[in-house]
């Protein structure tokens, strides 16, 4: 009689036992170590192992929600729920510089909306001009309070100079001795804004 070795898809443990059947009569299994309940085969595409990683990978490559749902043959709401469950860090965990090296950061805010243009949202973030990476970011209205939240996220870093455009919140909240204002000082972060709108489908404008 043929036998099949079953391993848990989460922890790869062989301590697995049968755990009843689903409403369609397919056998379910449960892992004794991590308590994961799973099936060997799934009817719905979204339940298959590795599908959530594919959804995230397609988003990184510029695919929209409907594009992803159509390509992977899953529901639109499944794609949206996957994105909502992601919890990215608001501060970079990558080493940005030695403690004794002062950083020069460009600050800017990027406009977008959710559902309709009446529900506006702003992405505020700090861009490291040396490494070309995002140091910290926050979401909120275009107010002084949101600017203060962004500056608070930058306290762990050794910031030597902050540059921005002439939006009033920066002039009021950024220390004067560390602040430079002007479009010439925000060329890199403006270029990154365009890159985000080009590569992330939901940020793309019709004119790009």
C-alpha atoms as a PDB file:
ATOM      1  CA  UNK A   1       0.000   0.000   0.000  1.00  0.00           C
ATOM      2  CA  UNK A   2       1.417   3.385  -1.003  1.00  0.00           C
ATOM      3  CA  UNK A   3       2.089   5.975   1.691  1.00  0.00           C
ATOM      4  CA  UNK A   4       2.721   9.709   1.489  1.00  0.00           C
ATOM      5  CA  UNK A   5       5.001  11.608   3.857  1.00  0.00           C
ATOM      6  CA  UNK A   6       3.250  14.812   4.866  1.00  0.00           C
ATOM      7  CA  UNK A   7       5.087  17.836   6.235  1.00  0.00           C
ATOM      8  CA  UNK A   8       3.703  21.058   7.630  1.00  0.00           C
ATOM      9  CA  UNK A   9       3.986  23.863   5.025  1.00  0.00           C
ATOM     10  CA  UNK A  10       4.775  26.397   7.775  1.00  0.00           C
ATOM     11  CA  UNK A  11       7.444  24.693   9.909  1.00  0.00           C
ATOM     12  CA  UNK A  12       8.205  21.597   7.790  1.00  0.00           C
ATOM     13  CA  UNK A  13       7.530  19.335  10.776  1.00  0.00           C
ATOM     14  CA  UNK A  14       6.555  15.705  10.155  1.00  0.00           C
ATOM     15  CA  UNK A  15       4.405  15.644  13.313  1.00  0.00           C
ATOM     16  CA  UNK A  16       1.153  15.886  11.367  1.00  0.00           C
ATOM     17  CA  UNK A  17      -2.182  14.162  11.930  1.00  0.00           C
ATOM     18  CA  UNK A  18      -5.555  14.116  10.183  1.00  0.00           C
ATOM     19  CA  UNK A  19      -7.929  16.841  11.337  1.00  0.00           C
ATOM     20  CA  UNK A  20     -11.265  16.011   9.741  1.00  0.00           C
ATOM     21  CA  UNK A  21     -12.535  17.242   6.376  1.00  0.00           C
ATOM     22  CA  UNK A  22     -13.578  20.524   4.853  1.00  0.00           C
ATOM     23  CA  UNK A  23     -17.192  21.076   3.679  1.00  0.00           C
ATOM     24  CA  UNK A  24     -16.273  19.657   0.264  1.00  0.00           C
ATOM     25  CA  UNK A  25     -14.945  16.426   1.723  1.00  0.00           C
ATOM     26  CA  UNK A  26     -11.219  17.084   1.333  1.00  0.00           C
ATOM     27  CA  UNK A  27      -8.945  15.822   4.096  1.00  0.00           C
ATOM     28  CA  UNK A  28      -7.479  18.377   6.468  1.00  0.00           C
ATOM     29  CA  UNK A  29      -4.308  17.976   8.500  1.00  0.00           C
ATOM     30  CA  UNK A  30      -2.920  19.644  11.603  1.00  0.00           C
ATOM     31  CA  UNK A  31       0.660  20.137  12.752  1.00  0.00           C
ATOM     32  CA  UNK A  32       1.400  19.147  16.355  1.00  0.00           C
ATOM     33  CA  UNK A  33       4.261  21.655  16.607  1.00  0.00           C
ATOM     34  CA  UNK A  34       2.837  24.923  15.227  1.00  0.00           C
ATOM     35  CA  UNK A  35      -0.881  23.933  15.180  1.00  0.00           C
ATOM     36  CA  UNK A  36      -1.230  24.929  11.531  1.00  0.00           C
ATOM     37  CA  UNK A  37      -4.303  23.404   9.815  1.00  0.00           C
ATOM     38  CA  UNK A  38      -3.838  22.762   6.094  1.00  0.00           C
ATOM     39  CA  UNK A  39      -4.830  20.652   3.092  1.00  0.00           C
ATOM     40  CA  UNK A  40      -2.660  18.874   0.552  1.00  0.00           C
ATOM     41  CA  UNK A  41      -4.572  20.383  -2.373  1.00  0.00           C
ATOM     42  CA  UNK A  42      -6.703  23.488  -2.657  1.00  0.00           C
ATOM     43  CA  UNK A  43      -9.502  24.380  -5.061  1.00  0.00           C
ATOM     44  CA  UNK A  44      -9.155  28.143  -4.620  1.00  0.00           C
ATOM     45  CA  UNK A  45      -5.931  29.575  -6.010  1.00  0.00           C
ATOM     46  CA  UNK A  46      -5.396  32.056  -3.174  1.00  0.00           C
ATOM     47  CA  UNK A  47      -5.039  29.259  -0.622  1.00  0.00           C
ATOM     48  CA  UNK A  48      -2.108  27.648  -2.383  1.00  0.00           C
ATOM     49  CA  UNK A  49       1.327  27.999  -0.730  1.00  0.00           C
ATOM     50  CA  UNK A  50       3.393  30.930  -1.969  1.00  0.00           C
ATOM     51  CA  UNK A  51       0.437  32.881  -3.365  1.00  0.00           C
ATOM     52  CA  UNK A  52       0.761  35.800  -0.925  1.00  0.00           C
ATOM     53  CA  UNK A  53       4.435  36.156  -1.853  1.00  0.00           C
ATOM     54  CA  UNK A  54       3.429  36.307  -5.529  1.00  0.00           C
ATOM     55  CA  UNK A  55       0.880  39.041  -4.793  1.00  0.00           C
ATOM     56  CA  UNK A  56       3.528  41.145  -3.056  1.00  0.00           C
ATOM     57  CA  UNK A  57       6.094  40.494  -5.795  1.00  0.00           C
ATOM     58  CA  UNK A  58       3.679  41.623  -8.511  1.00  0.00           C
ATOM     59  CA  UNK A  59       3.007  44.845  -6.597  1.00  0.00           C
ATOM     60  CA  UNK A  60       6.763  45.518  -6.469  1.00  0.00           C
ATOM     61  CA  UNK A  61       6.850  45.121 -10.253  1.00  0.00           C
ATOM     62  CA  UNK A  62       4.144  47.681 -10.957  1.00  0.00           C
ATOM     63  CA  UNK A  63       1.054  45.464 -11.244  1.00  0.00           C
ATOM     64  CA  UNK A  64      -2.234  46.931 -10.061  1.00  0.00           C
ATOM     65  CA  UNK A  65      -4.797  45.179  -7.878  1.00  0.00           C
ATOM     66  CA  UNK A  66      -6.992  44.155 -10.810  1.00  0.00           C
ATOM     67  CA  UNK A  67      -3.958  43.109 -12.860  1.00  0.00           C
ATOM     68  CA  UNK A  68      -2.799  40.857 -10.023  1.00  0.00           C
ATOM     69  CA  UNK A  69      -6.252  39.353  -9.466  1.00  0.00           C
ATOM     70  CA  UNK A  70      -6.702  38.605 -13.164  1.00  0.00           C
ATOM     71  CA  UNK A  71      -3.226  37.110 -13.643  1.00  0.00           C
ATOM     72  CA  UNK A  72      -3.281  34.903 -10.538  1.00  0.00           C
ATOM     73  CA  UNK A  73      -6.995  34.036 -10.945  1.00  0.00           C
ATOM     74  CA  UNK A  74      -7.953  35.199  -7.466  1.00  0.00           C
ATOM     75  CA  UNK A  75     -10.413  37.738  -6.102  1.00  0.00           C
ATOM     76  CA  UNK A  76      -9.739  41.473  -5.963  1.00  0.00           C
ATOM     77  CA  UNK A  77     -10.649  41.562  -2.261  1.00  0.00           C
ATOM     78  CA  UNK A  78      -8.078  38.833  -1.597  1.00  0.00           C
ATOM     79  CA  UNK A  79      -5.345  41.030  -3.076  1.00  0.00           C
ATOM     80  CA  UNK A  80      -6.451  44.040  -1.042  1.00  0.00           C
ATOM     81  CA  UNK A  81      -6.613  42.020   2.193  1.00  0.00           C
ATOM     82  CA  UNK A  82      -3.078  40.766   1.587  1.00  0.00           C
ATOM     83  CA  UNK A  83      -1.802  44.338   1.297  1.00  0.00           C
ATOM     84  CA  UNK A  84      -3.661  45.426   4.437  1.00  0.00           C
ATOM     85  CA  UNK A  85      -2.033  42.653   6.471  1.00  0.00           C
ATOM     86  CA  UNK A  86       1.448  43.877   5.571  1.00  0.00           C
ATOM     87  CA  UNK A  87       3.053  45.926   8.323  1.00  0.00           C
ATOM     88  CA  UNK A  88       6.131  47.715   6.947  1.00  0.00           C
ATOM     89  CA  UNK A  89       8.407  49.516   9.381  1.00  0.00           C
ATOM     90  CA  UNK A  90       8.173  53.294   9.438  1.00  0.00           C
ATOM     91  CA  UNK A  91      11.924  53.588  10.078  1.00  0.00           C
ATOM     92  CA  UNK A  92      14.591  51.849   8.014  1.00  0.00           C
ATOM     93  CA  UNK A  93      16.345  48.891   9.642  1.00  0.00           C
ATOM     94  CA  UNK A  94      19.255  48.977   7.191  1.00  0.00           C
ATOM     95  CA  UNK A  95      22.552  50.506   8.347  1.00  0.00           C
ATOM     96  CA  UNK A  96      22.660  54.007   6.874  1.00  0.00           C
ATOM     97  CA  UNK A  97      25.995  55.346   8.123  1.00  0.00           C
ATOM     98  CA  UNK A  98      28.449  55.282  10.980  1.00  0.00           C
ATOM     99  CA  UNK A  99      27.373  57.086  14.117  1.00  0.00           C
ATOM    100  CA  UNK A 100      29.962  59.832  13.595  1.00  0.00           C
ATOM    101  CA  UNK A 101      28.856  60.620  10.023  1.00  0.00           C
ATOM    102  CA  UNK A 102      26.207  63.322   9.687  1.00  0.00           C
ATOM    103  CA  UNK A 103      23.506  62.637   7.113  1.00  0.00           C
ATOM    104  CA  UNK A 104      21.963  65.019   4.620  1.00  0.00           C
ATOM    105  CA  UNK A 105      18.262  64.287   4.130  1.00  0.00           C
ATOM    106  CA  UNK A 106      15.702  65.651   1.722  1.00  0.00           C
ATOM    107  CA  UNK A 107      12.129  66.008   2.984  1.00  0.00           C
ATOM    108  CA  UNK A 108       9.026  66.008   0.834  1.00  0.00           C
ATOM    109  CA  UNK A 109       5.378  65.030   0.790  1.00  0.00           C
ATOM    110  CA  UNK A 110       3.529  63.142  -1.952  1.00  0.00           C
ATOM    111  CA  UNK A 111      -0.196  63.492  -2.599  1.00  0.00           C
ATOM    112  CA  UNK A 112      -2.579  60.641  -3.307  1.00  0.00           C
ATOM    113  CA  UNK A 113      -6.145  59.607  -2.473  1.00  0.00           C
ATOM    114  CA  UNK A 114      -8.100  56.531  -1.400  1.00  0.00           C
ATOM    115  CA  UNK A 115     -11.295  55.676  -3.277  1.00  0.00           C
ATOM    116  CA  UNK A 116     -12.119  59.230  -4.333  1.00  0.00           C
ATOM    117  CA  UNK A 117     -10.246  62.515  -4.509  1.00  0.00           C
ATOM    118  CA  UNK A 118     -12.267  63.781  -1.570  1.00  0.00           C
ATOM    119  CA  UNK A 119     -10.305  61.362   0.653  1.00  0.00           C
ATOM    120  CA  UNK A 120      -6.836  62.834   0.280  1.00  0.00           C
ATOM    121  CA  UNK A 121      -3.763  61.276   1.875  1.00  0.00           C
ATOM    122  CA  UNK A 122      -0.203  62.576   2.023  1.00  0.00           C
ATOM    123  CA  UNK A 123       2.974  60.526   2.261  1.00  0.00           C
ATOM    124  CA  UNK A 124       5.678  62.422   4.164  1.00  0.00           C
ATOM    125  CA  UNK A 125       9.145  60.920   4.067  1.00  0.00           C
ATOM    126  CA  UNK A 126      12.865  61.593   4.471  1.00  0.00           C
ATOM    127  CA  UNK A 127      15.279  60.568   1.722  1.00  0.00           C
ATOM    128  CA  UNK A 128      18.959  59.809   2.347  1.00  0.00           C
ATOM    129  CA  UNK A 129      20.888  61.590  -0.398  1.00  0.00           C
ATOM    130  CA  UNK A 130      24.034  59.498   0.135  1.00  0.00           C
ATOM    131  CA  UNK A 131      22.562  55.992  -0.130  1.00  0.00           C
ATOM    132  CA  UNK A 132      19.394  56.786  -2.048  1.00  0.00           C
ATOM    133  CA  UNK A 133      17.078  55.150   0.492  1.00  0.00           C
ATOM    134  CA  UNK A 134      14.100  56.162   2.604  1.00  0.00           C
ATOM    135  CA  UNK A 135      15.009  56.785   6.244  1.00  0.00           C
ATOM    136  CA  UNK A 136      11.508  57.233   7.650  1.00  0.00           C
ATOM    137  CA  UNK A 137       7.972  57.993   6.543  1.00  0.00           C
ATOM    138  CA  UNK A 138       4.509  58.744   7.869  1.00  0.00           C
ATOM    139  CA  UNK A 139       1.028  59.329   6.494  1.00  0.00           C
ATOM    140  CA  UNK A 140      -1.259  62.191   7.392  1.00  0.00           C
ATOM    141  CA  UNK A 141      -2.723  65.537   6.333  1.00  0.00           C
ATOM    142  CA  UNK A 142      -0.526  68.329   5.050  1.00  0.00           C
ATOM    143  CA  UNK A 143      -0.173  69.966   8.467  1.00  0.00           C
ATOM    144  CA  UNK A 144       2.511  70.930  10.965  1.00  0.00           C
ATOM    145  CA  UNK A 145       1.543  67.991  13.189  1.00  0.00           C
ATOM    146  CA  UNK A 146       2.388  65.446  10.482  1.00  0.00           C
ATOM    147  CA  UNK A 147       5.681  67.233   9.866  1.00  0.00           C
ATOM    148  CA  UNK A 148       6.508  66.918  13.571  1.00  0.00           C
ATOM    149  CA  UNK A 149       5.716  63.195  13.443  1.00  0.00           C
ATOM    150  CA  UNK A 150       8.189  62.738  10.585  1.00  0.00           C
ATOM    151  CA  UNK A 151      10.902  64.708  12.380  1.00  0.00           C
ATOM    152  CA  UNK A 152      10.351  62.606  15.515  1.00  0.00           C
ATOM    153  CA  UNK A 153      11.024  59.450  13.492  1.00  0.00           C
ATOM    154  CA  UNK A 154      14.394  60.899  12.455  1.00  0.00           C
ATOM    155  CA  UNK A 155      15.702  61.343  16.006  1.00  0.00           C
ATOM    156  CA  UNK A 156      17.660  58.015  16.018  1.00  0.00           C
ATOM    157  CA  UNK A 157      19.788  59.234  13.110  1.00  0.00           C
ATOM    158  CA  UNK A 158      22.671  61.684  13.102  1.00  0.00           C
ATOM    159  CA  UNK A 159      21.148  64.287  10.793  1.00  0.00           C
ATOM    160  CA  UNK A 160      23.507  67.071   9.809  1.00  0.00           C
ATOM    161  CA  UNK A 161      21.285  68.953   7.372  1.00  0.00           C
ATOM    162  CA  UNK A 162      17.656  68.779   6.233  1.00  0.00           C
ATOM    163  CA  UNK A 163      16.574  70.169   2.872  1.00  0.00           C
ATOM    164  CA  UNK A 164      13.041  70.748   1.600  1.00  0.00           C
ATOM    165  CA  UNK A 165      10.870  72.889  -0.627  1.00  0.00           C
ATOM    166  CA  UNK A 166       9.255  76.088   0.658  1.00  0.00           C
ATOM    167  CA  UNK A 167       6.148  74.493   2.176  1.00  0.00           C
ATOM    168  CA  UNK A 168       5.411  76.385   5.406  1.00  0.00           C
ATOM    169  CA  UNK A 169       5.428  73.402   7.773  1.00  0.00           C
ATOM    170  CA  UNK A 170       9.115  72.780   7.140  1.00  0.00           C
ATOM    171  CA  UNK A 171      10.025  76.381   7.881  1.00  0.00           C
ATOM    172  CA  UNK A 172       8.118  76.300  11.165  1.00  0.00           C
ATOM    173  CA  UNK A 173       9.140  72.857  12.438  1.00  0.00           C
ATOM    174  CA  UNK A 174      12.660  72.142  11.121  1.00  0.00           C
ATOM    175  CA  UNK A 175      15.472  73.750  13.164  1.00  0.00           C
ATOM    176  CA  UNK A 176      16.739  76.822  11.313  1.00  0.00           C
ATOM    177  CA  UNK A 177      20.422  75.917  11.734  1.00  0.00           C
ATOM    178  CA  UNK A 178      19.891  72.569   9.946  1.00  0.00           C
ATOM    179  CA  UNK A 179      17.496  73.636   7.213  1.00  0.00           C
ATOM    180  CA  UNK A 180      18.020  74.562   3.560  1.00  0.00           C
ATOM    181  CA  UNK A 181      15.068  75.536   1.368  1.00  0.00           C
ATOM    182  CA  UNK A 182      14.765  75.444  -2.389  1.00  0.00           C
ATOM    183  CA  UNK A 183      13.847  73.219  -5.317  1.00  0.00           C
ATOM    184  CA  UNK A 184      17.532  72.758  -6.111  1.00  0.00           C
ATOM    185  CA  UNK A 185      17.935  70.888  -2.800  1.00  0.00           C
ATOM    186  CA  UNK A 186      15.079  68.413  -3.440  1.00  0.00           C
ATOM    187  CA  UNK A 187      15.989  67.071  -6.873  1.00  0.00           C
ATOM    188  CA  UNK A 188      16.736  63.532  -5.673  1.00  0.00           C
ATOM    189  CA  UNK A 189      13.555  63.081  -3.658  1.00  0.00           C
ATOM    190  CA  UNK A 190      11.466  64.565  -6.479  1.00  0.00           C
ATOM    191  CA  UNK A 191      13.061  62.040  -8.817  1.00  0.00           C
ATOM    192  CA  UNK A 192      12.141  59.299  -6.331  1.00  0.00           C
ATOM    193  CA  UNK A 193       8.546  60.564  -6.247  1.00  0.00           C
ATOM    194  CA  UNK A 194       8.343  60.097  -9.998  1.00  0.00           C
ATOM    195  CA  UNK A 195       9.855  56.616  -9.684  1.00  0.00           C
ATOM    196  CA  UNK A 196       7.191  55.662  -7.141  1.00  0.00           C
ATOM    197  CA  UNK A 197       4.402  56.900  -9.401  1.00  0.00           C
ATOM    198  CA  UNK A 198       5.877  55.020 -12.351  1.00  0.00           C
ATOM    199  CA  UNK A 199       6.397  51.681 -10.614  1.00  0.00           C
ATOM    200  CA  UNK A 200       3.431  51.571  -8.221  1.00  0.00           C
ATOM    201  CA  UNK A 201       0.251  51.273 -10.240  1.00  0.00           C
ATOM    202  CA  UNK A 202      -2.036  52.884  -7.688  1.00  0.00           C
ATOM    203  CA  UNK A 203       0.123  56.015  -7.545  1.00  0.00           C
ATOM    204  CA  UNK A 204       0.420  56.381 -11.322  1.00  0.00           C
ATOM    205  CA  UNK A 205      -1.037  59.464 -12.956  1.00  0.00           C
ATOM    206  CA  UNK A 206      -2.773  59.385 -16.313  1.00  0.00           C
ATOM    207  CA  UNK A 207      -0.135  61.726 -17.747  1.00  0.00           C
ATOM    208  CA  UNK A 208       2.817  59.427 -16.859  1.00  0.00           C
END
